[in-house]
Amino acid sequence: MKCDKCLQEIQNNDVHKYQGKDLCEDCYIASLHQPKPCDPLAVYGARKTREMMGQEGTEGLTERQKNIYEYIKEKKKVTGPEIAEKFELPPEEIEKEFAILRHCELVRGFKEGNTKYLTTMD
């Protein structure tokens, strides 16, 4: 049997059911622990941690997060699909990276009509 998410071979006794899908343990855990962009406690925690570590701006981010932030800053406003195409990432990875950038108070989302955009907070 294969994991419905990563397509890796899994043993029948290692299958985890989640939202109608058969997942390996890694994909199951990742599905349960997706960061949410609108999480005031996560924002507070990220702010306090970054203050304690003396981090400002993009300090402490991964290279990919820094690159996404710089791309958004350069373009002024972008959609998730634009970022996904530019960085060749699946939508769930864009959501995860956006949540982290939002928790660090670097990026925010907004809507114009029916379109969701990302922009910097500065």
PDB file of N, CA and C in Angstrom:
ATOM      1  N   MET A   1       0.847  -1.175   0.000  1.00  0.00           N
ATOM      2  CA  MET A   1       0.000   0.000   0.000  1.00  0.00           C
ATOM      3  C   MET A   1       0.894   1.239   0.000  1.00  0.00           C
ATOM      4  N   LYS A   2       0.415   2.316  -0.646  1.00  0.00           N
ATOM      5  CA  LYS A   2       1.176   3.560  -0.714  1.00  0.00           C
ATOM      6  C   LYS A   2       0.456   4.662   0.060  1.00  0.00           C
ATOM      7  N   CYS A   3       1.246   5.561   0.623  1.00  0.00           N
ATOM      8  CA  CYS A   3       0.704   6.739   1.302  1.00  0.00           C
ATOM      9  C   CYS A   3       0.044   7.635   0.247  1.00  0.00           C
ATOM     10  N   ASP A   4      -1.167   8.091   0.532  1.00  0.00           N
ATOM     11  CA  ASP A   4      -1.892   8.932  -0.411  1.00  0.00           C
ATOM     12  C   ASP A   4      -1.254  10.310  -0.579  1.00  0.00           C
ATOM     13  N   LYS A   5      -0.406  10.710   0.332  1.00  0.00           N
ATOM     14  CA  LYS A   5       0.209  12.036   0.255  1.00  0.00           C
ATOM     15  C   LYS A   5       1.601  12.004  -0.376  1.00  0.00           C
ATOM     16  N   CYS A   6       2.519  11.202   0.203  1.00  0.00           N
ATOM     17  CA  CYS A   6       3.905  11.193  -0.288  1.00  0.00           C
ATOM     18  C   CYS A   6       4.187  10.051  -1.261  1.00  0.00           C
ATOM     19  N   LEU A   7       3.247   9.121  -1.383  1.00  0.00           N
ATOM     20  CA  LEU A   7       3.328   7.977  -2.295  1.00  0.00           C
ATOM     21  C   LEU A   7       4.409   6.960  -1.931  1.00  0.00           C
ATOM     22  N   GLN A   8       4.919   7.039  -0.706  1.00  0.00           N
ATOM     23  CA  GLN A   8       5.890   6.050  -0.233  1.00  0.00           C
ATOM     24  C   GLN A   8       5.158   4.763   0.136  1.00  0.00           C
ATOM     25  N   GLU A   9       5.850   3.662  -0.042  1.00  0.00           N
ATOM     26  CA  GLU A   9       5.287   2.359   0.321  1.00  0.00           C
ATOM     27  C   GLU A   9       5.172   2.263   1.842  1.00  0.00           C
ATOM     28  N   ILE A  10       4.021   1.800   2.322  1.00  0.00           N
ATOM     29  CA  ILE A  10       3.821   1.625   3.758  1.00  0.00           C
ATOM     30  C   ILE A  10       3.229   0.246   4.028  1.00  0.00           C
ATOM     31  N   GLN A  11       3.565  -0.287   5.179  1.00  0.00           N
ATOM     32  CA  GLN A  11       3.033  -1.573   5.590  1.00  0.00           C
ATOM     33  C   GLN A  11       1.582  -1.370   6.046  1.00  0.00           C
ATOM     34  N   ASN A  12       0.758  -2.384   5.880  1.00  0.00           N
ATOM     35  CA  ASN A  12      -0.659  -2.281   6.261  1.00  0.00           C
ATOM     36  C   ASN A  12      -0.849  -1.911   7.724  1.00  0.00           C
ATOM     37  N   ASN A  13       0.029  -2.386   8.594  1.00  0.00           N
ATOM     38  CA  ASN A  13      -0.138  -2.087  10.021  1.00  0.00           C
ATOM     39  C   ASN A  13       0.384  -0.692  10.395  1.00  0.00           C
ATOM     40  N   ASP A  14       1.019   0.018   9.459  1.00  0.00           N
ATOM     41  CA  ASP A  14       1.516   1.371   9.710  1.00  0.00           C
ATOM     42  C   ASP A  14       0.662   2.442   9.047  1.00  0.00           C
ATOM     43  N   VAL A  15      -0.516   2.079   8.564  1.00  0.00           N
ATOM     44  CA  VAL A  15      -1.398   3.017   7.875  1.00  0.00           C
ATOM     45  C   VAL A  15      -2.207   3.817   8.895  1.00  0.00           C
ATOM     46  N   HIS A  16      -2.247   5.116   8.692  1.00  0.00           N
ATOM     47  CA  HIS A  16      -3.047   6.008   9.536  1.00  0.00           C
ATOM     48  C   HIS A  16      -4.118   6.654   8.665  1.00  0.00           C
ATOM     49  N   LYS A  17      -5.357   6.547   9.079  1.00  0.00           N
ATOM     50  CA  LYS A  17      -6.466   7.152   8.348  1.00  0.00           C
ATOM     51  C   LYS A  17      -6.629   8.598   8.796  1.00  0.00           C
ATOM     52  N   TYR A  18      -6.729   9.509   7.823  1.00  0.00           N
ATOM     53  CA  TYR A  18      -6.953  10.924   8.141  1.00  0.00           C
ATOM     54  C   TYR A  18      -7.712  11.563   6.996  1.00  0.00           C
ATOM     55  N   GLN A  19      -8.889  12.070   7.302  1.00  0.00           N
ATOM     56  CA  GLN A  19      -9.760  12.722   6.325  1.00  0.00           C
ATOM     57  C   GLN A  19      -9.939  11.871   5.070  1.00  0.00           C
ATOM     58  N   GLY A  20     -10.180  10.581   5.290  1.00  0.00           N
ATOM     59  CA  GLY A  20     -10.455   9.662   4.194  1.00  0.00           C
ATOM     60  C   GLY A  20      -9.232   9.201   3.418  1.00  0.00           C
ATOM     61  N   LYS A  21      -8.043   9.557   3.878  1.00  0.00           N
ATOM     62  CA  LYS A  21      -6.818   9.178   3.174  1.00  0.00           C
ATOM     63  C   LYS A  21      -6.011   8.196   4.019  1.00  0.00           C
ATOM     64  N   ASP A  22      -5.260   7.328   3.326  1.00  0.00           N
ATOM     65  CA  ASP A  22      -4.333   6.419   3.975  1.00  0.00           C
ATOM     66  C   ASP A  22      -2.964   7.081   3.977  1.00  0.00           C
ATOM     67  N   LEU A  23      -2.439   7.372   5.180  1.00  0.00           N
ATOM     68  CA  LEU A  23      -1.183   8.100   5.296  1.00  0.00           C
ATOM     69  C   LEU A  23      -0.134   7.304   6.060  1.00  0.00           C
ATOM     70  N   CYS A  24       1.134   7.560   5.709  1.00  0.00           N
ATOM     71  CA  CYS A  24       2.232   7.017   6.504  1.00  0.00           C
ATOM     72  C   CYS A  24       2.302   7.844   7.789  1.00  0.00           C
ATOM     73  N   GLU A  25       3.094   7.408   8.742  1.00  0.00           N
ATOM     74  CA  GLU A  25       3.157   8.094  10.026  1.00  0.00           C
ATOM     75  C   GLU A  25       3.641   9.539   9.890  1.00  0.00           C
ATOM     76  N   ASP A  26       4.665   9.773   9.065  1.00  0.00           N
ATOM     77  CA  ASP A  26       5.189  11.135   8.899  1.00  0.00           C
ATOM     78  C   ASP A  26       4.144  12.082   8.325  1.00  0.00           C
ATOM     79  N   CYS A  27       3.439  11.650   7.301  1.00  0.00           N
ATOM     80  CA  CYS A  27       2.417  12.505   6.685  1.00  0.00           C
ATOM     81  C   CYS A  27       1.232  12.723   7.627  1.00  0.00           C
ATOM     82  N   TYR A  28       0.901  11.700   8.401  1.00  0.00           N
ATOM     83  CA  TYR A  28      -0.184  11.812   9.376  1.00  0.00           C
ATOM     84  C   TYR A  28       0.155  12.865  10.428  1.00  0.00           C
ATOM     85  N   ILE A  29       1.355  12.797  10.978  1.00  0.00           N
ATOM     86  CA  ILE A  29       1.771  13.767  12.000  1.00  0.00           C
ATOM     87  C   ILE A  29       1.824  15.170  11.406  1.00  0.00           C
ATOM     88  N   ALA A  30       2.367  15.296  10.198  1.00  0.00           N
ATOM     89  CA  ALA A  30       2.440  16.606   9.542  1.00  0.00           C
ATOM     90  C   ALA A  30       1.036  17.175   9.305  1.00  0.00           C
ATOM     91  N   SER A  31       0.081  16.321   8.968  1.00  0.00           N
ATOM     92  CA  SER A  31      -1.297  16.781   8.727  1.00  0.00           C
ATOM     93  C   SER A  31      -1.950  17.284  10.006  1.00  0.00           C
ATOM     94  N   LEU A  32      -1.604  16.684  11.129  1.00  0.00           N
ATOM     95  CA  LEU A  32      -2.200  17.082  12.403  1.00  0.00           C
ATOM     96  C   LEU A  32      -1.589  18.367  12.956  1.00  0.00           C
ATOM     97  N   HIS A  33      -0.383  18.699  12.542  1.00  0.00           N
ATOM     98  CA  HIS A  33       0.339  19.816  13.134  1.00  0.00           C
ATOM     99  C   HIS A  33       0.648  20.927  12.144  1.00  0.00           C
ATOM    100  N   GLN A  34      -0.297  21.258  11.302  1.00  0.00           N
ATOM    101  CA  GLN A  34      -0.118  22.363  10.371  1.00  0.00           C
ATOM    102  C   GLN A  34      -0.282  23.684  11.110  1.00  0.00           C
ATOM    103  N   PRO A  35       0.685  24.612  10.994  1.00  0.00           N
ATOM    104  CA  PRO A  35       0.506  25.916  11.640  1.00  0.00           C
ATOM    105  C   PRO A  35      -0.618  26.695  10.974  1.00  0.00           C
ATOM    106  N   LYS A  36      -1.347  27.464  11.750  1.00  0.00           N
ATOM    107  CA  LYS A  36      -2.454  28.277  11.258  1.00  0.00           C
ATOM    108  C   LYS A  36      -2.017  29.745  11.253  1.00  0.00           C
ATOM    109  N   PRO A  37      -2.236  30.472  10.159  1.00  0.00           N
ATOM    110  CA  PRO A  37      -1.796  31.872  10.090  1.00  0.00           C
ATOM    111  C   PRO A  37      -2.441  32.758  11.154  1.00  0.00           C
ATOM    112  N   CYS A  38      -3.717  32.599  11.383  1.00  0.00           N
ATOM    113  CA  CYS A  38      -4.436  33.444  12.341  1.00  0.00           C
ATOM    114  C   CYS A  38      -4.461  32.777  13.709  1.00  0.00           C
ATOM    115  N   ASP A  39      -3.350  32.839  14.394  1.00  0.00           N
ATOM    116  CA  ASP A  39      -3.198  32.213  15.695  1.00  0.00           C
ATOM    117  C   ASP A  39      -2.513  33.212  16.623  1.00  0.00           C
ATOM    118  N   PRO A  40      -3.298  34.005  17.375  1.00  0.00           N
ATOM    119  CA  PRO A  40      -2.709  35.039  18.229  1.00  0.00           C
ATOM    120  C   PRO A  40      -1.672  34.507  19.213  1.00  0.00           C
ATOM    121  N   LEU A  41      -1.877  33.324  19.745  1.00  0.00           N
ATOM    122  CA  LEU A  41      -0.906  32.756  20.681  1.00  0.00           C
ATOM    123  C   LEU A  41       0.415  32.452  19.975  1.00  0.00           C
ATOM    124  N   ALA A  42       0.363  31.954  18.738  1.00  0.00           N
ATOM    125  CA  ALA A  42       1.580  31.678  17.981  1.00  0.00           C
ATOM    126  C   ALA A  42       2.315  32.976  17.648  1.00  0.00           C
ATOM    127  N   VAL A  43       1.560  34.038  17.320  1.00  0.00           N
ATOM    128  CA  VAL A  43       2.179  35.338  17.048  1.00  0.00           C
ATOM    129  C   VAL A  43       2.880  35.850  18.302  1.00  0.00           C
ATOM    130  N   TYR A  44       2.197  35.770  19.431  1.00  0.00           N
ATOM    131  CA  TYR A  44       2.779  36.217  20.704  1.00  0.00           C
ATOM    132  C   TYR A  44       4.044  35.417  21.017  1.00  0.00           C
ATOM    133  N   GLY A  45       3.963  34.101  20.861  1.00  0.00           N
ATOM    134  CA  GLY A  45       5.104  33.240  21.141  1.00  0.00           C
ATOM    135  C   GLY A  45       6.287  33.539  20.218  1.00  0.00           C
ATOM    136  N   ALA A  46       6.006  33.737  18.936  1.00  0.00           N
ATOM    137  CA  ALA A  46       7.076  34.043  17.985  1.00  0.00           C
ATOM    138  C   ALA A  46       7.703  35.396  18.314  1.00  0.00           C
ATOM    139  N   ARG A  47       6.866  36.381  18.647  1.00  0.00           N
ATOM    140  CA  ARG A  47       7.384  37.711  18.981  1.00  0.00           C
ATOM    141  C   ARG A  47       8.308  37.637  20.189  1.00  0.00           C
ATOM    142  N   LYS A  48       7.843  36.990  21.248  1.00  0.00           N
ATOM    143  CA  LYS A  48       8.641  36.893  22.473  1.00  0.00           C
ATOM    144  C   LYS A  48       9.936  36.099  22.246  1.00  0.00           C
ATOM    145  N   THR A  49       9.850  35.024  21.509  1.00  0.00           N
ATOM    146  CA  THR A  49      11.038  34.220  21.226  1.00  0.00           C
ATOM    147  C   THR A  49      12.049  35.021  20.419  1.00  0.00           C
ATOM    148  N   ARG A  50      11.566  35.725  19.381  1.00  0.00           N
ATOM    149  CA  ARG A  50      12.464  36.520  18.544  1.00  0.00           C
ATOM    150  C   ARG A  50      13.090  37.659  19.351  1.00  0.00           C
ATOM    151  N   GLU A  51      12.302  38.284  20.238  1.00  0.00           N
ATOM    152  CA  GLU A  51      12.850  39.341  21.099  1.00  0.00           C
ATOM    153  C   GLU A  51      13.942  38.776  22.010  1.00  0.00           C
ATOM    154  N   MET A  52      13.663  37.637  22.607  1.00  0.00           N
ATOM    155  CA  MET A  52      14.601  37.011  23.530  1.00  0.00           C
ATOM    156  C   MET A  52      15.914  36.638  22.815  1.00  0.00           C
ATOM    157  N   MET A  53      15.804  36.244  21.548  1.00  0.00           N
ATOM    158  CA  MET A  53      16.979  35.840  20.784  1.00  0.00           C
ATOM    159  C   MET A  53      17.631  37.015  20.054  1.00  0.00           C
ATOM    160  N   GLY A  54      17.038  38.200  20.178  1.00  0.00           N
ATOM    161  CA  GLY A  54      17.587  39.380  19.521  1.00  0.00           C
ATOM    162  C   GLY A  54      17.412  39.378  18.013  1.00  0.00           C
ATOM    163  N   GLN A  55      16.393  38.675  17.523  1.00  0.00           N
ATOM    164  CA  GLN A  55      16.168  38.582  16.077  1.00  0.00           C
ATOM    165  C   GLN A  55      15.231  39.676  15.594  1.00  0.00           C
ATOM    166  N   GLU A  56      15.583  40.239  14.453  1.00  0.00           N
ATOM    167  CA  GLU A  56      14.745  41.245  13.801  1.00  0.00           C
ATOM    168  C   GLU A  56      14.638  40.901  12.329  1.00  0.00           C
ATOM    169  N   GLY A  57      13.608  41.418  11.692  1.00  0.00           N
ATOM    170  CA  GLY A  57      13.446  41.184  10.257  1.00  0.00           C
ATOM    171  C   GLY A  57      13.423  39.714   9.928  1.00  0.00           C
ATOM    172  N   THR A  58      14.266  39.325   8.979  1.00  0.00           N
ATOM    173  CA  THR A  58      14.271  37.937   8.523  1.00  0.00           C
ATOM    174  C   THR A  58      15.282  37.062   9.265  1.00  0.00           C
ATOM    175  N   GLU A  59      15.914  37.598  10.301  1.00  0.00           N
ATOM    176  CA  GLU A  59      16.854  36.791  11.079  1.00  0.00           C
ATOM    177  C   GLU A  59      16.120  35.602  11.693  1.00  0.00           C
ATOM    178  N   GLY A  60      16.737  34.436  11.612  1.00  0.00           N
ATOM    179  CA  GLY A  60      16.160  33.229  12.187  1.00  0.00           C
ATOM    180  C   GLY A  60      15.268  32.454  11.239  1.00  0.00           C
ATOM    181  N   LEU A  61      14.987  33.011  10.065  1.00  0.00           N
ATOM    182  CA  LEU A  61      14.165  32.308   9.081  1.00  0.00           C
ATOM    183  C   LEU A  61      15.031  31.376   8.238  1.00  0.00           C
ATOM    184  N   THR A  62      14.392  30.401   7.608  1.00  0.00           N
ATOM    185  CA  THR A  62      15.106  29.545   6.662  1.00  0.00           C
ATOM    186  C   THR A  62      15.369  30.350   5.393  1.00  0.00           C
ATOM    187  N   GLU A  63      16.268  29.855   4.555  1.00  0.00           N
ATOM    188  CA  GLU A  63      16.550  30.542   3.283  1.00  0.00           C
ATOM    189  C   GLU A  63      15.288  30.642   2.431  1.00  0.00           C
ATOM    190  N   ARG A  64      14.493  29.577   2.419  1.00  0.00           N
ATOM    191  CA  ARG A  64      13.264  29.605   1.618  1.00  0.00           C
ATOM    192  C   ARG A  64      12.305  30.668   2.142  1.00  0.00           C
ATOM    193  N   GLN A  65      12.156  30.754   3.459  1.00  0.00           N
ATOM    194  CA  GLN A  65      11.278  31.773   4.040  1.00  0.00           C
ATOM    195  C   GLN A  65      11.781  33.174   3.721  1.00  0.00           C
ATOM    196  N   LYS A  66      13.089  33.367   3.810  1.00  0.00           N
ATOM    197  CA  LYS A  66      13.668  34.669   3.456  1.00  0.00           C
ATOM    198  C   LYS A  66      13.396  35.005   1.989  1.00  0.00           C
ATOM    199  N   ASN A  67      13.571  34.017   1.115  1.00  0.00           N
ATOM    200  CA  ASN A  67      13.340  34.237  -0.315  1.00  0.00           C
ATOM    201  C   ASN A  67      11.881  34.559  -0.603  1.00  0.00           C
ATOM    202  N   ILE A  68      10.980  33.859   0.053  1.00  0.00           N
ATOM    203  CA  ILE A  68       9.546  34.140  -0.128  1.00  0.00           C
ATOM    204  C   ILE A  68       9.232  35.541   0.355  1.00  0.00           C
ATOM    205  N   TYR A  69       9.751  35.902   1.522  1.00  0.00           N
ATOM    206  CA  TYR A  69       9.531  37.255   2.062  1.00  0.00           C
ATOM    207  C   TYR A  69      10.057  38.314   1.090  1.00  0.00           C
ATOM    208  N   GLU A  70      11.265  38.147   0.584  1.00  0.00           N
ATOM    209  CA  GLU A  70      11.852  39.121  -0.340  1.00  0.00           C
ATOM    210  C   GLU A  70      11.037  39.216  -1.628  1.00  0.00           C
ATOM    211  N   TYR A  71      10.531  38.093  -2.108  1.00  0.00           N
ATOM    212  CA  TYR A  71       9.695  38.081  -3.313  1.00  0.00           C
ATOM    213  C   TYR A  71       8.410  38.877  -3.069  1.00  0.00           C
ATOM    214  N   ILE A  72       7.772  38.647  -1.935  1.00  0.00           N
ATOM    215  CA  ILE A  72       6.545  39.385  -1.604  1.00  0.00           C
ATOM    216  C   ILE A  72       6.860  40.873  -1.477  1.00  0.00           C
ATOM    217  N   LYS A  73       7.941  41.200  -0.822  1.00  0.00           N
ATOM    218  CA  LYS A  73       8.341  42.600  -0.634  1.00  0.00           C
ATOM    219  C   LYS A  73       8.591  43.279  -1.984  1.00  0.00           C
ATOM    220  N   GLU A  74       9.254  42.576  -2.886  1.00  0.00           N
ATOM    221  CA  GLU A  74       9.559  43.117  -4.211  1.00  0.00           C
ATOM    222  C   GLU A  74       8.290  43.345  -5.034  1.00  0.00           C
ATOM    223  N   LYS A  75       7.363  42.377  -4.985  1.00  0.00           N
ATOM    224  CA  LYS A  75       6.146  42.445  -5.808  1.00  0.00           C
ATOM    225  C   LYS A  75       5.038  43.299  -5.186  1.00  0.00           C
ATOM    226  N   LYS A  76       5.142  43.630  -3.901  1.00  0.00           N
ATOM    227  CA  LYS A  76       4.158  44.407  -3.141  1.00  0.00           C
ATOM    228  C   LYS A  76       2.947  43.590  -2.719  1.00  0.00           C
ATOM    229  N   LYS A  77       2.385  42.808  -3.623  1.00  0.00           N
ATOM    230  CA  LYS A  77       1.298  41.898  -3.284  1.00  0.00           C
ATOM    231  C   LYS A  77       1.320  40.736  -4.268  1.00  0.00           C
ATOM    232  N   VAL A  78       1.133  39.537  -3.737  1.00  0.00           N
ATOM    233  CA  VAL A  78       1.149  38.334  -4.575  1.00  0.00           C
ATOM    234  C   VAL A  78       0.101  37.347  -4.064  1.00  0.00           C
ATOM    235  N   THR A  79      -0.280  36.440  -4.914  1.00  0.00           N
ATOM    236  CA  THR A  79      -1.213  35.390  -4.516  1.00  0.00           C
ATOM    237  C   THR A  79      -0.415  34.134  -4.131  1.00  0.00           C
ATOM    238  N   GLY A  80      -1.059  33.252  -3.398  1.00  0.00           N
ATOM    239  CA  GLY A  80      -0.441  31.979  -3.054  1.00  0.00           C
ATOM    240  C   GLY A  80      -0.018  31.196  -4.286  1.00  0.00           C
ATOM    241  N   PRO A  81      -0.897  31.087  -5.310  1.00  0.00           N
ATOM    242  CA  PRO A  81      -0.493  30.363  -6.514  1.00  0.00           C
ATOM    243  C   PRO A  81       0.727  30.970  -7.217  1.00  0.00           C
ATOM    244  N   GLU A  82       0.883  32.286  -7.158  1.00  0.00           N
ATOM    245  CA  GLU A  82       2.077  32.910  -7.750  1.00  0.00           C
ATOM    246  C   GLU A  82       3.335  32.469  -7.010  1.00  0.00           C
ATOM    247  N   ILE A  83       3.251  32.430  -5.689  1.00  0.00           N
ATOM    248  CA  ILE A  83       4.393  31.983  -4.889  1.00  0.00           C
ATOM    249  C   ILE A  83       4.668  30.508  -5.153  1.00  0.00           C
ATOM    250  N   ALA A  84       3.608  29.711  -5.213  1.00  0.00           N
ATOM    251  CA  ALA A  84       3.760  28.275  -5.469  1.00  0.00           C
ATOM    252  C   ALA A  84       4.475  28.042  -6.799  1.00  0.00           C
ATOM    253  N   GLU A  85       4.102  28.798  -7.810  1.00  0.00           N
ATOM    254  CA  GLU A  85       4.741  28.649  -9.123  1.00  0.00           C
ATOM    255  C   GLU A  85       6.199  29.112  -9.084  1.00  0.00           C
ATOM    256  N   LYS A  86       6.435  30.269  -8.492  1.00  0.00           N
ATOM    257  CA  LYS A  86       7.788  30.831  -8.429  1.00  0.00           C
ATOM    258  C   LYS A  86       8.750  29.901  -7.698  1.00  0.00           C
ATOM    259  N   PHE A  87       8.326  29.332  -6.575  1.00  0.00           N
ATOM    260  CA  PHE A  87       9.202  28.517  -5.744  1.00  0.00           C
ATOM    261  C   PHE A  87       8.989  27.013  -5.913  1.00  0.00           C
ATOM    262  N   GLU A  88       8.112  26.654  -6.856  1.00  0.00           N
ATOM    263  CA  GLU A  88       7.821  25.251  -7.161  1.00  0.00           C
ATOM    264  C   GLU A  88       7.456  24.466  -5.907  1.00  0.00           C
ATOM    265  N   LEU A  89       6.460  24.989  -5.183  1.00  0.00           N
ATOM    266  CA  LEU A  89       6.004  24.373  -3.940  1.00  0.00           C
ATOM    267  C   LEU A  89       4.527  24.032  -4.026  1.00  0.00           C
ATOM    268  N   PRO A  90       4.117  22.952  -3.364  1.00  0.00           N
ATOM    269  CA  PRO A  90       2.683  22.634  -3.321  1.00  0.00           C
ATOM    270  C   PRO A  90       1.955  23.627  -2.408  1.00  0.00           C
ATOM    271  N   PRO A  91       0.662  23.814  -2.607  1.00  0.00           N
ATOM    272  CA  PRO A  91      -0.108  24.786  -1.815  1.00  0.00           C
ATOM    273  C   PRO A  91       0.018  24.612  -0.305  1.00  0.00           C
ATOM    274  N   GLU A  92       0.090  23.367   0.188  1.00  0.00           N
ATOM    275  CA  GLU A  92       0.188  23.172   1.638  1.00  0.00           C
ATOM    276  C   GLU A  92       1.519  23.695   2.187  1.00  0.00           C
ATOM    277  N   GLU A  93       2.577  23.660   1.384  1.00  0.00           N
ATOM    278  CA  GLU A  93       3.863  24.223   1.819  1.00  0.00           C
ATOM    279  C   GLU A  93       3.798  25.746   1.855  1.00  0.00           C
ATOM    280  N   ILE A  94       3.096  26.336   0.899  1.00  0.00           N
ATOM    281  CA  ILE A  94       2.927  27.796   0.885  1.00  0.00           C
ATOM    282  C   ILE A  94       2.161  28.223   2.127  1.00  0.00           C
ATOM    283  N   GLU A  95       1.109  27.487   2.472  1.00  0.00           N
ATOM    284  CA  GLU A  95       0.323  27.801   3.671  1.00  0.00           C
ATOM    285  C   GLU A  95       1.191  27.739   4.921  1.00  0.00           C
ATOM    286  N   LYS A  96       2.048  26.722   5.014  1.00  0.00           N
ATOM    287  CA  LYS A  96       2.916  26.561   6.171  1.00  0.00           C
ATOM    288  C   LYS A  96       3.906  27.731   6.260  1.00  0.00           C
ATOM    289  N   GLU A  97       4.524  28.067   5.137  1.00  0.00           N
ATOM    290  CA  GLU A  97       5.498  29.160   5.135  1.00  0.00           C
ATOM    291  C   GLU A  97       4.819  30.496   5.436  1.00  0.00           C
ATOM    292  N   PHE A  98       3.626  30.707   4.885  1.00  0.00           N
ATOM    293  CA  PHE A  98       2.892  31.937   5.163  1.00  0.00           C
ATOM    294  C   PHE A  98       2.577  32.043   6.653  1.00  0.00           C
ATOM    295  N   ALA A  99       2.155  30.939   7.256  1.00  0.00           N
ATOM    296  CA  ALA A  99       1.827  30.963   8.685  1.00  0.00           C
ATOM    297  C   ALA A  99       3.042  31.378   9.510  1.00  0.00           C
ATOM    298  N   ILE A 100       4.204  30.844   9.174  1.00  0.00           N
ATOM    299  CA  ILE A 100       5.418  31.198   9.913  1.00  0.00           C
ATOM    300  C   ILE A 100       5.757  32.671   9.715  1.00  0.00           C
ATOM    301  N   LEU A 101       5.693  33.149   8.478  1.00  0.00           N
ATOM    302  CA  LEU A 101       5.972  34.572   8.212  1.00  0.00           C
ATOM    303  C   LEU A 101       4.948  35.472   8.900  1.00  0.00           C
ATOM    304  N   ARG A 102       3.717  35.012   8.990  1.00  0.00           N
ATOM    305  CA  ARG A 102       2.665  35.781   9.687  1.00  0.00           C
ATOM    306  C   ARG A 102       2.947  35.799  11.186  1.00  0.00           C
ATOM    307  N   HIS A 103       3.327  34.677  11.748  1.00  0.00           N
ATOM    308  CA  HIS A 103       3.626  34.613  13.181  1.00  0.00           C
ATOM    309  C   HIS A 103       4.791  35.535  13.532  1.00  0.00           C
ATOM    310  N   CYS A 104       5.731  35.700  12.601  1.00  0.00           N
ATOM    311  CA  CYS A 104       6.881  36.589  12.817  1.00  0.00           C
ATOM    312  C   CYS A 104       6.535  38.042  12.502  1.00  0.00           C
ATOM    313  N   GLU A 105       5.276  38.296  12.182  1.00  0.00           N
ATOM    314  CA  GLU A 105       4.767  39.636  11.874  1.00  0.00           C
ATOM    315  C   GLU A 105       5.513  40.296  10.721  1.00  0.00           C
ATOM    316  N   LEU A 106       5.825  39.480   9.696  1.00  0.00           N
ATOM    317  CA  LEU A 106       6.496  39.981   8.505  1.00  0.00           C
ATOM    318  C   LEU A 106       5.555  40.099   7.316  1.00  0.00           C
ATOM    319  N   VAL A 107       4.568  39.214   7.258  1.00  0.00           N
ATOM    320  CA  VAL A 107       3.655  39.139   6.116  1.00  0.00           C
ATOM    321  C   VAL A 107       2.227  39.043   6.622  1.00  0.00           C
ATOM    322  N   ARG A 108       1.315  39.605   5.861  1.00  0.00           N
ATOM    323  CA  ARG A 108      -0.106  39.496   6.197  1.00  0.00           C
ATOM    324  C   ARG A 108      -0.889  39.188   4.931  1.00  0.00           C
ATOM    325  N   GLY A 109      -2.086  38.698   5.118  1.00  0.00           N
ATOM    326  CA  GLY A 109      -2.966  38.412   3.999  1.00  0.00           C
ATOM    327  C   GLY A 109      -4.107  39.401   3.957  1.00  0.00           C
ATOM    328  N   PHE A 110      -4.652  39.631   2.765  1.00  0.00           N
ATOM    329  CA  PHE A 110      -5.826  40.474   2.605  1.00  0.00           C
ATOM    330  C   PHE A 110      -6.554  40.073   1.325  1.00  0.00           C
ATOM    331  N   LYS A 111      -7.803  40.507   1.213  1.00  0.00           N
ATOM    332  CA  LYS A 111      -8.605  40.178   0.038  1.00  0.00           C
ATOM    333  C   LYS A 111      -8.947  41.437  -0.741  1.00  0.00           C
ATOM    334  N   GLU A 112      -8.910  41.305  -2.050  1.00  0.00           N
ATOM    335  CA  GLU A 112      -9.443  42.309  -2.967  1.00  0.00           C
ATOM    336  C   GLU A 112     -10.434  41.560  -3.835  1.00  0.00           C
ATOM    337  N   GLY A 113     -11.708  41.874  -3.675  1.00  0.00           N
ATOM    338  CA  GLY A 113     -12.723  41.095  -4.366  1.00  0.00           C
ATOM    339  C   GLY A 113     -12.690  39.672  -3.866  1.00  0.00           C
ATOM    340  N   ASN A 114     -12.548  38.732  -4.769  1.00  0.00           N
ATOM    341  CA  ASN A 114     -12.474  37.315  -4.394  1.00  0.00           C
ATOM    342  C   ASN A 114     -11.044  36.777  -4.368  1.00  0.00           C
ATOM    343  N   THR A 115     -10.074  37.647  -4.554  1.00  0.00           N
ATOM    344  CA  THR A 115      -8.685  37.213  -4.618  1.00  0.00           C
ATOM    345  C   THR A 115      -7.967  37.479  -3.301  1.00  0.00           C
ATOM    346  N   LYS A 116      -7.263  36.455  -2.804  1.00  0.00           N
ATOM    347  CA  LYS A 116      -6.470  36.586  -1.586  1.00  0.00           C
ATOM    348  C   LYS A 116      -5.038  36.922  -1.970  1.00  0.00           C
ATOM    349  N   TYR A 117      -4.499  37.944  -1.300  1.00  0.00           N
ATOM    350  CA  TYR A 117      -3.136  38.376  -1.552  1.00  0.00           C
ATOM    351  C   TYR A 117      -2.306  38.306  -0.286  1.00  0.00           C
ATOM    352  N   LEU A 118      -1.004  38.247  -0.463  1.00  0.00           N
ATOM    353  CA  LEU A 118      -0.039  38.350   0.615  1.00  0.00           C
ATOM    354  C   LEU A 118       0.778  39.613   0.372  1.00  0.00           C
ATOM    355  N   THR A 119       1.074  40.322   1.452  1.00  0.00           N
ATOM    356  CA  THR A 119       1.896  41.523   1.365  1.00  0.00           C
ATOM    357  C   THR A 119       2.712  41.627   2.648  1.00  0.00           C
ATOM    358  N   THR A 120       3.704  42.483   2.636  1.00  0.00           N
ATOM    359  CA  THR A 120       4.523  42.658   3.834  1.00  0.00           C
ATOM    360  C   THR A 120       3.779  43.555   4.821  1.00  0.00           C
ATOM    361  N   MET A 121       4.182  43.470   6.071  1.00  0.00           N
ATOM    362  CA  MET A 121       3.542  44.281   7.104  1.00  0.00           C
ATOM    363  C   MET A 121       4.149  45.671   7.224  1.00  0.00           C
ATOM    364  N   ASP A 122       5.287  45.908   6.578  1.00  0.00           N
ATOM    365  CA  ASP A 122       5.890  47.237   6.700  1.00  0.00           C
ATOM    366  C   ASP A 122       5.345  48.218   5.704  1.00  0.00           C
TER     367      ASP A 122
END
